[in-house]
Amino acid sequence: MAWMHAIGNCVFCGNIFDFNPNLVPSLVIDGEREPVCRECIEHANPMRKELGLEPITILPGAYEPEEIQ
């Protein structure tokens, strides 16, 4: 059994966190996907709602290791 996860910095706050690179919310900057931590998503969603935008959905497992076969 093997597990996959990545460790990186949040594109907004700079904090280091671990995540599933296939599921984590991200932004594309200069052609590269940059991960966003859970705290920044949870902070942004109320502001998005006030602006009439859809909240960013955190997919199940986005911040957990993924079992690979």
Protein backbone atom coordinates (compact mmCIF):
# COMPACT_ATOMS: atom_id res chain seq x y z
CA MET A 1 0.00 0.00 0.00
CA ALA A 2 1.27 3.49 -0.88
CA TRP A 3 0.10 7.00 -0.14
CA MET A 4 0.51 10.22 -2.05
CA HIS A 5 0.48 13.76 -0.70
CA ALA A 6 2.39 16.96 -1.27
CA ILE A 7 3.81 19.58 1.03
CA GLY A 8 3.92 23.19 -0.09
CA ASN A 9 3.24 26.81 0.69
CA CYS A 10 -0.18 28.41 0.39
CA VAL A 11 -0.16 30.92 -2.45
CA PHE A 12 -1.99 33.45 -0.24
CA CYS A 13 -0.69 33.22 3.32
CA GLY A 14 2.59 31.39 2.69
CA ASN A 15 1.97 28.80 5.42
CA ILE A 16 3.34 25.32 4.80
CA PHE A 17 0.68 22.60 4.65
CA ASP A 18 0.18 19.12 3.23
CA PHE A 19 -2.43 18.32 0.61
CA ASN A 20 -3.57 15.99 -2.13
CA PRO A 21 -2.22 17.63 -5.31
CA ASN A 22 -5.11 16.23 -7.37
CA LEU A 23 -7.87 17.67 -5.15
CA VAL A 24 -6.56 20.78 -3.39
CA PRO A 25 -8.11 24.13 -4.40
CA SER A 26 -5.56 26.07 -6.42
CA LEU A 27 -4.95 29.09 -8.61
CA VAL A 28 -3.06 29.09 -11.88
CA ILE A 29 -0.28 31.68 -11.78
CA ASP A 30 2.13 31.98 -14.70
CA GLY A 31 0.87 28.62 -15.98
CA GLU A 32 1.52 26.79 -12.69
CA ARG A 33 -1.10 25.49 -10.26
CA GLU A 34 -0.49 26.99 -6.81
CA PRO A 35 -2.22 25.40 -3.79
CA VAL A 36 -4.49 27.25 -1.35
CA CYS A 37 -4.74 26.14 2.29
CA ARG A 38 -8.04 25.35 4.04
CA GLU A 39 -7.80 28.42 6.28
CA CYS A 40 -7.50 30.80 3.31
CA ILE A 41 -10.45 29.15 1.55
CA GLU A 42 -12.55 29.39 4.72
CA HIS A 43 -11.55 33.07 5.05
CA ALA A 44 -12.32 33.86 1.38
CA ASN A 45 -15.71 32.15 1.12
CA PRO A 46 -17.70 34.67 3.23
CA MET A 47 -16.22 37.53 1.18
CA ARG A 48 -17.07 35.70 -2.04
CA LYS A 49 -20.66 35.27 -0.82
CA GLU A 50 -20.92 39.01 -0.08
CA LEU A 51 -19.77 39.72 -3.65
CA GLY A 52 -22.38 37.34 -5.07
CA LEU A 53 -19.78 34.73 -6.06
CA GLU A 54 -20.06 31.01 -5.49
CA PRO A 55 -18.02 29.72 -2.54
CA ILE A 56 -14.98 27.62 -3.32
CA THR A 57 -15.82 23.99 -2.63
CA ILE A 58 -13.25 21.97 -0.73
CA LEU A 59 -13.39 18.47 -2.17
CA PRO A 60 -13.34 15.54 0.25
CA GLY A 61 -9.75 14.44 0.74
CA ALA A 62 -8.21 17.69 -0.53
CA TYR A 63 -6.06 18.00 2.60
CA GLU A 64 -5.52 14.28 3.21
CA PRO A 65 -3.11 11.74 1.73
CA GLU A 66 -4.54 9.63 -1.08
CA GLU A 67 -4.04 5.88 -1.24
CA ILE A 68 -2.54 4.86 -4.57
CA GLN A 69 -2.26 1.42 -6.11
